[in-house]
C-alpha atoms as a PDB file:
ATOM      1  CA  MET A   1     172.919 106.784 105.946  1.00  0.00           C
ATOM      2  CA  THR A   2     173.016 109.896 108.131  1.00  0.00           C
ATOM      3  CA  ARG A   3     170.010 111.087 110.111  1.00  0.00           C
ATOM      4  CA  SER A   4     169.548 114.052 107.736  1.00  0.00           C
ATOM      5  CA  HIS A   5     169.487 111.712 104.728  1.00  0.00           C
ATOM      6  CA  ILE A   6     166.876 109.490 106.412  1.00  0.00           C
ATOM      7  CA  THR A   7     164.679 112.512 107.173  1.00  0.00           C
ATOM      8  CA  LEU A   8     164.946 113.784 103.580  1.00  0.00           C
ATOM      9  CA  THR A   9     164.157 110.354 102.134  1.00  0.00           C
ATOM     10  CA  THR A  10     161.092 109.961 104.374  1.00  0.00           C
ATOM     11  CA  ALA A  11     159.818 113.378 103.335  1.00  0.00           C
ATOM     12  CA  LEU A  12     160.246 112.584  99.618  1.00  0.00           C
ATOM     13  CA  LEU A  13     158.382 109.266  99.960  1.00  0.00           C
ATOM     14  CA  ALA A  14     155.503 111.004 101.773  1.00  0.00           C
ATOM     15  CA  CYS A  15     155.216 113.625  99.004  1.00  0.00           C
ATOM     16  CA  LEU A  16     155.178 110.957  96.296  1.00  0.00           C
ATOM     17  CA  ALA A  17     152.436 109.016  98.132  1.00  0.00           C
ATOM     18  CA  LEU A  18     150.312 112.142  98.513  1.00  0.00           C
ATOM     19  CA  SER A  19     150.777 113.052  94.840  1.00  0.00           C
ATOM     20  CA  ALA A  20     149.735 109.558  93.664  1.00  0.00           C
ATOM     21  CA  CYS A  21     146.686 109.605  95.926  1.00  0.00           C
ATOM     22  CA  SER A  22     145.674 113.035  94.642  1.00  0.00           C
ATOM     23  CA  ASP A  23     146.074 111.953  91.010  1.00  0.00           C
ATOM     24  CA  ASP A  24     143.970 108.827  91.644  1.00  0.00           C
ATOM     25  CA  LYS A  25     141.125 110.848  93.210  1.00  0.00           C
ATOM     26  CA  ALA A  26     141.218 113.371  90.379  1.00  0.00           C
ATOM     27  CA  SER A  27     140.957 110.650  87.763  1.00  0.00           C
ATOM     28  CA  GLN A  28     138.010 109.076  89.585  1.00  0.00           C
ATOM     29  CA  GLY A  29     136.115 112.339  90.054  1.00  0.00           C
ATOM     30  CA  ALA A  30     136.628 113.740  86.535  1.00  0.00           C
ATOM     31  CA  PRO A  31     133.651 113.401  84.191  1.00  0.00           C
ATOM     32  CA  PRO A  32     134.113 111.035  81.252  1.00  0.00           C
ATOM     33  CA  PRO A  33     134.743 112.574  77.825  1.00  0.00           C
ATOM     34  CA  ALA A  34     131.698 113.328  75.714  1.00  0.00           C
ATOM     35  CA  GLY A  35     130.415 110.157  74.116  1.00  0.00           C
ATOM     36  CA  ALA A  36     132.465 107.876  76.373  1.00  0.00           C
ATOM     37  CA  PRO A  37     130.812 104.784  77.892  1.00  0.00           C
ATOM     38  CA  SER A  38     129.353 105.308  81.361  1.00  0.00           C
ATOM     39  CA  ALA A  39     131.030 103.894  84.461  1.00  0.00           C
ATOM     40  CA  SER A  40     128.191 101.421  84.828  1.00  0.00           C
ATOM     41  CA  GLY A  41     129.353  99.714  81.665  1.00  0.00           C
ATOM     42  CA  LYS A  42     125.965 100.106  79.962  1.00  0.00           C
ATOM     43  CA  GLY A  43     127.447 101.796  76.917  1.00  0.00           C
ATOM     44  CA  GLU A  44     127.091 105.247  75.430  1.00  0.00           C
ATOM     45  CA  ALA A  45     124.125 107.475  76.119  1.00  0.00           C
ATOM     46  CA  GLN A  46     121.753 107.557  73.191  1.00  0.00           C
ATOM     47  CA  PRO A  47     120.814 110.914  71.636  1.00  0.00           C
ATOM     48  CA  PHE A  48     117.294 112.168  72.309  1.00  0.00           C
ATOM     49  CA  LYS A  49     114.929 111.249  69.479  1.00  0.00           C
ATOM     50  CA  ASP A  50     112.436 114.091  69.202  1.00  0.00           C
ATOM     51  CA  ASP A  51     110.109 113.251  66.349  1.00  0.00           C
ATOM     52  CA  THR A  52     106.595 112.027  65.681  1.00  0.00           C
ATOM     53  CA  ASP A  53     107.726 108.484  64.887  1.00  0.00           C
ATOM     54  CA  VAL A  54     108.255 107.680  68.571  1.00  0.00           C
ATOM     55  CA  PRO A  55     105.027 106.019  69.793  1.00  0.00           C
ATOM     56  CA  LEU A  56     103.262 107.508  72.786  1.00  0.00           C
ATOM     57  CA  THR A  57     103.421 104.978  75.600  1.00  0.00           C
ATOM     58  CA  ARG A  58     103.544 106.865  78.917  1.00  0.00           C
ATOM     59  CA  GLN A  59     100.193 107.685  80.491  1.00  0.00           C
ATOM     60  CA  LEU A  60      99.917 111.479  80.570  1.00  0.00           C
ATOM     61  CA  ASP A  61      98.120 113.179  83.425  1.00  0.00           C
ATOM     62  CA  ARG A  62      95.505 115.887  82.954  1.00  0.00           C
ATOM     63  CA  GLY A  63      98.006 118.759  83.179  1.00  0.00           C
ATOM     64  CA  GLU A  64     100.341 117.195  80.620  1.00  0.00           C
ATOM     65  CA  LEU A  65      97.525 116.583  78.178  1.00  0.00           C
ATOM     66  CA  THR A  66      96.322 120.172  78.609  1.00  0.00           C
ATOM     67  CA  GLN A  67      99.805 121.485  77.862  1.00  0.00           C
ATOM     68  CA  ALA A  68     100.136 119.337  74.756  1.00  0.00           C
ATOM     69  CA  ILE A  69      96.910 120.588  73.153  1.00  0.00           C
ATOM     70  CA  PRO A  70      97.936 123.612  71.046  1.00  0.00           C
ATOM     71  CA  ASP A  71      97.048 127.160  72.008  1.00  0.00           C
ATOM     72  CA  ALA A  72      95.552 129.386  69.320  1.00  0.00           C
ATOM     73  CA  GLU A  73      98.951 130.828  68.378  1.00  0.00           C
ATOM     74  CA  ASP A  74     100.266 127.291  67.859  1.00  0.00           C
ATOM     75  CA  VAL A  75      97.789 126.393  65.106  1.00  0.00           C
ATOM     76  CA  VAL A  76      97.459 127.809  61.590  1.00  0.00           C
ATOM     77  CA  PRO A  77      97.950 131.627  61.504  1.00  0.00           C
ATOM     78  CA  GLY A  78      94.677 133.559  61.515  1.00  0.00           C
ATOM     79  CA  TYR A  79      92.910 131.500  64.185  1.00  0.00           C
ATOM     80  CA  TYR A  80      92.045 132.593  67.708  1.00  0.00           C
ATOM     81  CA  PRO A  81      90.615 130.720  70.720  1.00  0.00           C
ATOM     82  CA  GLY A  82      87.068 129.500  70.319  1.00  0.00           C
ATOM     83  CA  SER A  83      84.431 129.435  73.045  1.00  0.00           C
ATOM     84  CA  LEU A  84      85.594 125.978  74.230  1.00  0.00           C
ATOM     85  CA  HIS A  85      89.264 126.694  73.721  1.00  0.00           C
ATOM     86  CA  LYS A  86      90.822 123.969  75.912  1.00  0.00           C
ATOM     87  CA  SER A  87      88.232 121.648  77.364  1.00  0.00           C
ATOM     88  CA  MET A  88      89.309 119.253  80.127  1.00  0.00           C
ATOM     89  CA  PRO A  89      88.522 116.548  80.980  1.00  0.00           C
ATOM     90  CA  GLY A  90      86.845 114.950  78.014  1.00  0.00           C
ATOM     91  CA  GLU A  91      84.347 112.124  77.921  1.00  0.00           C
ATOM     92  CA  PRO A  92      84.621 108.603  76.440  1.00  0.00           C
ATOM     93  CA  ASP A  93      81.974 109.551  73.864  1.00  0.00           C
ATOM     94  CA  ASP A  94      84.402 112.145  72.468  1.00  0.00           C
ATOM     95  CA  CYS A  95      86.572 109.261  71.279  1.00  0.00           C
ATOM     96  CA  ALA A  96      83.927 107.189  69.494  1.00  0.00           C
ATOM     97  CA  PRO A  97      81.737 107.578  66.386  1.00  0.00           C
ATOM     98  CA  PRO A  98      78.299 109.186  66.924  1.00  0.00           C
ATOM     99  CA  LYS A  99      75.830 106.942  68.790  1.00  0.00           C
ATOM    100  CA  ALA A 100      78.545 104.318  69.356  1.00  0.00           C
ATOM    101  CA  PRO A 101      79.406 102.893  72.795  1.00  0.00           C
ATOM    102  CA  ALA A 102      82.394 104.230  74.695  1.00  0.00           C
ATOM    103  CA  PRO A 103      85.630 102.656  73.470  1.00  0.00           C
ATOM    104  CA  ALA A 104      87.346 100.022  75.609  1.00  0.00           C
ATOM    105  CA  GLY A 105      90.420 101.076  77.534  1.00  0.00           C
ATOM    106  CA  TRP A 106      89.626 104.808  77.492  1.00  0.00           C
ATOM    107  CA  ARG A 107      91.599 106.778  80.085  1.00  0.00           C
ATOM    108  CA  ARG A 108      91.249 110.507  79.420  1.00  0.00           C
ATOM    109  CA  ALA A 109      90.576 113.036  76.685  1.00  0.00           C
ATOM    110  CA  GLY A 110      90.869 116.730  75.942  1.00  0.00           C
ATOM    111  CA  SER A 111      89.914 119.058  73.127  1.00  0.00           C
ATOM    112  CA  GLY A 112      90.818 122.336  71.466  1.00  0.00           C
ATOM    113  CA  ASP A 113      88.509 124.828  69.752  1.00  0.00           C
ATOM    114  CA  TYR A 114      89.695 127.532  67.343  1.00  0.00           C
ATOM    115  CA  ASP A 115      87.835 130.115  65.214  1.00  0.00           C
ATOM    116  CA  TYR A 116      89.065 131.849  62.083  1.00  0.00           C
ATOM    117  CA  GLN A 117      89.514 135.599  62.411  1.00  0.00           C
ATOM    118  CA  GLY A 118      88.278 137.856  59.631  1.00  0.00           C
ATOM    119  CA  SER A 119      86.577 135.155  57.557  1.00  0.00           C
ATOM    120  CA  THR A 120      83.243 135.960  55.934  1.00  0.00           C
ATOM    121  CA  VAL A 121      82.138 132.346  56.300  1.00  0.00           C
ATOM    122  CA  SER A 122      81.830 130.005  59.244  1.00  0.00           C
ATOM    123  CA  ARG A 123      85.261 128.477  59.608  1.00  0.00           C
ATOM    124  CA  GLY A 124      86.809 126.725  62.580  1.00  0.00           C
ATOM    125  CA  ILE A 125      89.092 123.972  63.809  1.00  0.00           C
ATOM    126  CA  ASP A 126      88.033 121.362  66.364  1.00  0.00           C
ATOM    127  CA  LEU A 127      90.599 119.020  67.911  1.00  0.00           C
ATOM    128  CA  ASP A 128      90.082 115.939  70.103  1.00  0.00           C
ATOM    129  CA  VAL A 129      92.856 113.926  71.786  1.00  0.00           C
ATOM    130  CA  CYS A 130      92.183 110.613  73.552  1.00  0.00           C
ATOM    131  CA  GLN A 131      94.506 108.322  75.497  1.00  0.00           C
ATOM    132  CA  PHE A 132      93.961 104.610  76.181  1.00  0.00           C
ATOM    133  CA  ASP A 133      95.478 102.096  78.546  1.00  0.00           C
ATOM    134  CA  ASN A 134      97.337 100.265  75.770  1.00  0.00           C
ATOM    135  CA  ALA A 135      98.075 100.500  72.055  1.00  0.00           C
ATOM    136  CA  ALA A 136      95.672  97.673  71.127  1.00  0.00           C
ATOM    137  CA  HIS A 137      92.680  99.541  72.570  1.00  0.00           C
ATOM    138  CA  ALA A 138      93.848 102.762  70.918  1.00  0.00           C
ATOM    139  CA  GLU A 139      94.132 101.001  67.561  1.00  0.00           C
ATOM    140  CA  ALA A 140      90.645  99.492  67.889  1.00  0.00           C
ATOM    141  CA  ALA A 141      89.159 102.908  68.697  1.00  0.00           C
ATOM    142  CA  TYR A 142      91.088 104.522  65.845  1.00  0.00           C
ATOM    143  CA  ASP A 143      89.723 101.986  63.344  1.00  0.00           C
ATOM    144  CA  ARG A 144      86.131 102.818  64.366  1.00  0.00           C
ATOM    145  CA  TRP A 145      86.522 106.587  64.664  1.00  0.00           C
ATOM    146  CA  PRO A 146      86.664 107.974  61.074  1.00  0.00           C
ATOM    147  CA  ASP A 147      83.301 109.146  59.717  1.00  0.00           C
ATOM    148  CA  ARG A 148      83.384 107.936  56.117  1.00  0.00           C
ATOM    149  CA  ASP A 149      79.788 108.880  55.250  1.00  0.00           C
ATOM    150  CA  GLU A 150      79.669 111.307  52.313  1.00  0.00           C
ATOM    151  CA  SER A 151      83.433 111.743  52.414  1.00  0.00           C
ATOM    152  CA  ALA A 152      86.398 110.650  50.342  1.00  0.00           C
ATOM    153  CA  PRO A 153      90.069 110.108  51.234  1.00  0.00           C
ATOM    154  CA  VAL A 154      92.493 112.898  50.379  1.00  0.00           C
ATOM    155  CA  GLN A 155      96.233 112.435  50.150  1.00  0.00           C
ATOM    156  CA  VAL A 156      98.875 114.270  52.167  1.00  0.00           C
ATOM    157  CA  ARG A 157     102.584 114.235  51.471  1.00  0.00           C
ATOM    158  CA  THR A 158     103.664 113.224  54.982  1.00  0.00           C
ATOM    159  CA  PRO A 159     101.749 110.774  57.227  1.00  0.00           C
ATOM    160  CA  VAL A 160     101.162 111.675  60.877  1.00  0.00           C
ATOM    161  CA  GLY A 161     102.065 109.341  63.751  1.00  0.00           C
ATOM    162  CA  GLU A 162     102.019 105.576  63.231  1.00  0.00           C
ATOM    163  CA  GLU A 163      98.937 105.746  61.034  1.00  0.00           C
ATOM    164  CA  SER A 164      96.695 108.511  59.742  1.00  0.00           C
ATOM    165  CA  VAL A 165      93.871 109.205  57.308  1.00  0.00           C
ATOM    166  CA  PHE A 166      92.370 112.415  55.925  1.00  0.00           C
ATOM    167  CA  LEU A 167      88.813 112.650  54.609  1.00  0.00           C
ATOM    168  CA  ALA A 168      87.087 115.490  52.734  1.00  0.00           C
ATOM    169  CA  HIS A 169      83.329 115.881  53.042  1.00  0.00           C
ATOM    170  CA  SER A 170      81.477 116.073  49.745  1.00  0.00           C
ATOM    171  CA  GLY A 171      79.472 119.160  50.815  1.00  0.00           C
ATOM    172  CA  SER A 172      80.062 122.604  49.330  1.00  0.00           C
ATOM    173  CA  SER A 173      82.261 123.737  52.258  1.00  0.00           C
ATOM    174  CA  GLY A 174      84.610 120.781  51.829  1.00  0.00           C
ATOM    175  CA  THR A 175      85.122 120.146  55.556  1.00  0.00           C
ATOM    176  CA  VAL A 176      88.239 118.017  56.131  1.00  0.00           C
ATOM    177  CA  TYR A 177      88.719 115.466  58.900  1.00  0.00           C
ATOM    178  CA  GLY A 178      92.122 114.169  59.949  1.00  0.00           C
ATOM    179  CA  TYR A 179      92.685 111.125  62.175  1.00  0.00           C
ATOM    180  CA  SER A 180      95.960 109.854  63.616  1.00  0.00           C
ATOM    181  CA  ARG A 181      97.242 107.264  66.083  1.00  0.00           C
ATOM    182  CA  SER A 182     100.554 107.135  67.922  1.00  0.00           C
ATOM    183  CA  GLY A 183     100.915 104.336  70.456  1.00  0.00           C
ATOM    184  CA  THR A 184      98.198 104.706  73.094  1.00  0.00           C
ATOM    185  CA  VAL A 185      96.892 108.036  71.768  1.00  0.00           C
ATOM    186  CA  ILE A 186      94.454 108.867  68.983  1.00  0.00           C
ATOM    187  CA  ALA A 187      93.717 112.382  67.745  1.00  0.00           C
ATOM    188  CA  ARG A 188      91.108 113.871  65.420  1.00  0.00           C
ATOM    189  CA  VAL A 189      90.909 117.315  63.845  1.00  0.00           C
ATOM    190  CA  ARG A 190      88.029 118.839  61.866  1.00  0.00           C
ATOM    191  CA  VAL A 191      88.594 121.906  59.689  1.00  0.00           C
ATOM    192  CA  GLU A 192      85.386 123.537  58.503  1.00  0.00           C
ATOM    193  CA  ASP A 193      85.183 125.333  55.161  1.00  0.00           C
ATOM    194  CA  ALA A 194      88.518 123.881  54.050  1.00  0.00           C
ATOM    195  CA  GLY A 195      87.427 123.425  50.422  1.00  0.00           C
ATOM    196  CA  GLY A 196      88.678 119.854  50.540  1.00  0.00           C
ATOM    197  CA  ASP A 197      92.281 120.969  51.203  1.00  0.00           C
ATOM    198  CA  PRO A 198      93.860 118.804  53.964  1.00  0.00           C
ATOM    199  CA  THR A 199      96.830 121.127  54.605  1.00  0.00           C
ATOM    200  CA  ASP A 200      95.532 122.826  57.757  1.00  0.00           C
ATOM    201  CA  ALA A 201      94.188 119.551  59.166  1.00  0.00           C
ATOM    202  CA  HIS A 202      97.520 117.836  58.570  1.00  0.00           C
ATOM    203  CA  ASP A 203      99.630 120.597  60.136  1.00  0.00           C
ATOM    204  CA  VAL A 204      97.471 120.922  63.274  1.00  0.00           C
ATOM    205  CA  LEU A 205      97.361 117.139  63.733  1.00  0.00           C
ATOM    206  CA  ALA A 206     101.136 116.796  63.220  1.00  0.00           C
ATOM    207  CA  ALA A 207     101.847 119.633  65.677  1.00  0.00           C
ATOM    208  CA  THR A 208      99.571 118.005  68.266  1.00  0.00           C
ATOM    209  CA  ILE A 209     101.318 114.622  68.020  1.00  0.00           C
ATOM    210  CA  LYS A 210     104.690 116.360  68.192  1.00  0.00           C
ATOM    211  CA  ARG A 211     103.673 118.290  71.313  1.00  0.00           C
ATOM    212  CA  LEU A 212     102.476 115.079  72.964  1.00  0.00           C
ATOM    213  CA  GLN A 213     105.869 113.519  72.240  1.00  0.00           C
ATOM    214  CA  GLN A 214     107.660 116.518  73.752  1.00  0.00           C
ATOM    215  CA  VAL A 215     105.595 116.285  76.949  1.00  0.00           C
ATOM    216  CA  GLN A 216     106.139 112.519  77.149  1.00  0.00           C
ATOM    217  CA  ALA A 217     109.897 113.127  77.000  1.00  0.00           C
ATOM    218  CA  GLY A 218     109.713 115.596  79.888  1.00  0.00           C
ATOM    219  CA  ARG A 219     110.048 118.649  77.671  1.00  0.00           C
ATOM    220  CA  ARG A 220     107.854 121.698  77.360  1.00  0.00           C
ATOM    221  CA  ALA A 221     105.354 121.497  74.485  1.00  0.00           C
ATOM    222  CA  THR A 222     106.567 124.062  71.940  1.00  0.00           C
ATOM    223  CA  ALA A 223     105.792 122.624  68.479  1.00  0.00           C
ATOM    224  CA  THR A 224     103.508 124.696  66.231  1.00  0.00           C
ATOM    225  CA  ALA A 225     101.705 123.989  62.970  1.00  0.00           C
ATOM    226  CA  THR A 226     103.832 126.660  61.262  1.00  0.00           C
ATOM    227  CA  GLU A 227     107.021 124.956  62.471  1.00  0.00           C
ATOM    228  CA  ILE A 228     105.799 121.579  61.197  1.00  0.00           C
ATOM    229  CA  ALA A 229     104.989 123.030  57.756  1.00  0.00           C
ATOM    230  CA  ALA A 230     108.383 124.770  57.494  1.00  0.00           C
ATOM    231  CA  ALA A 231     110.286 121.602  58.481  1.00  0.00           C
ATOM    232  CA  GLU A 232     108.443 119.489  55.909  1.00  0.00           C
ATOM    233  CA  GLN A 233     108.982 122.065  53.190  1.00  0.00           C
ATOM    234  CA  ALA A 234     112.705 122.172  53.991  1.00  0.00           C
ATOM    235  CA  ARG A 235     112.894 118.390  53.639  1.00  0.00           C
ATOM    236  CA  GLY A 236     111.309 118.730  50.200  1.00  0.00           C
END
């Protein structure tokens, strides 16, 4: 083989080696196709589940709980902020029946206060949200919380959270109370002058649980009572 042939052969081999190395690096650095298993071998990424069936487990700090409590525009149309619009932090007594001891495992609480605009009668919505250190303590507090004196259960089409109950007071105004639990969190809403109709109580409670789930997942709380009602109506 002549010297020129040797030089040409060496150059070709060097080019092939560089090309193979470049191809190998490109294949390693390229992102995997959508839905492909990760390089760690742990399988495919699961889609985000953004609904009220996911129990609340992460302990939320004061700022997160404040964000999750709806603003006036997030509740039923026609309401505006009350005098105690977003009250933080709450007290253990806010999460127990009247004159009952503070519930075990209480961590923090917050509340929302909303008045009805343009009504000729006293009408308002009061919301309380309480978080506990574990689901067992939350469940025990939830079981004690509902005020069943002079009230009767009313049915709603869609439950809220892991368990919920709605009660209508037997008085002429028909005040409705809604109670719900999701994991370590319990929530209560009272709608005055509701005429025994649980619709507003249900929608505000469902929006609150949904917003808590959004915050737990690291998202901004955006759910509204109107959005909840529209989604349920679309599902029929």
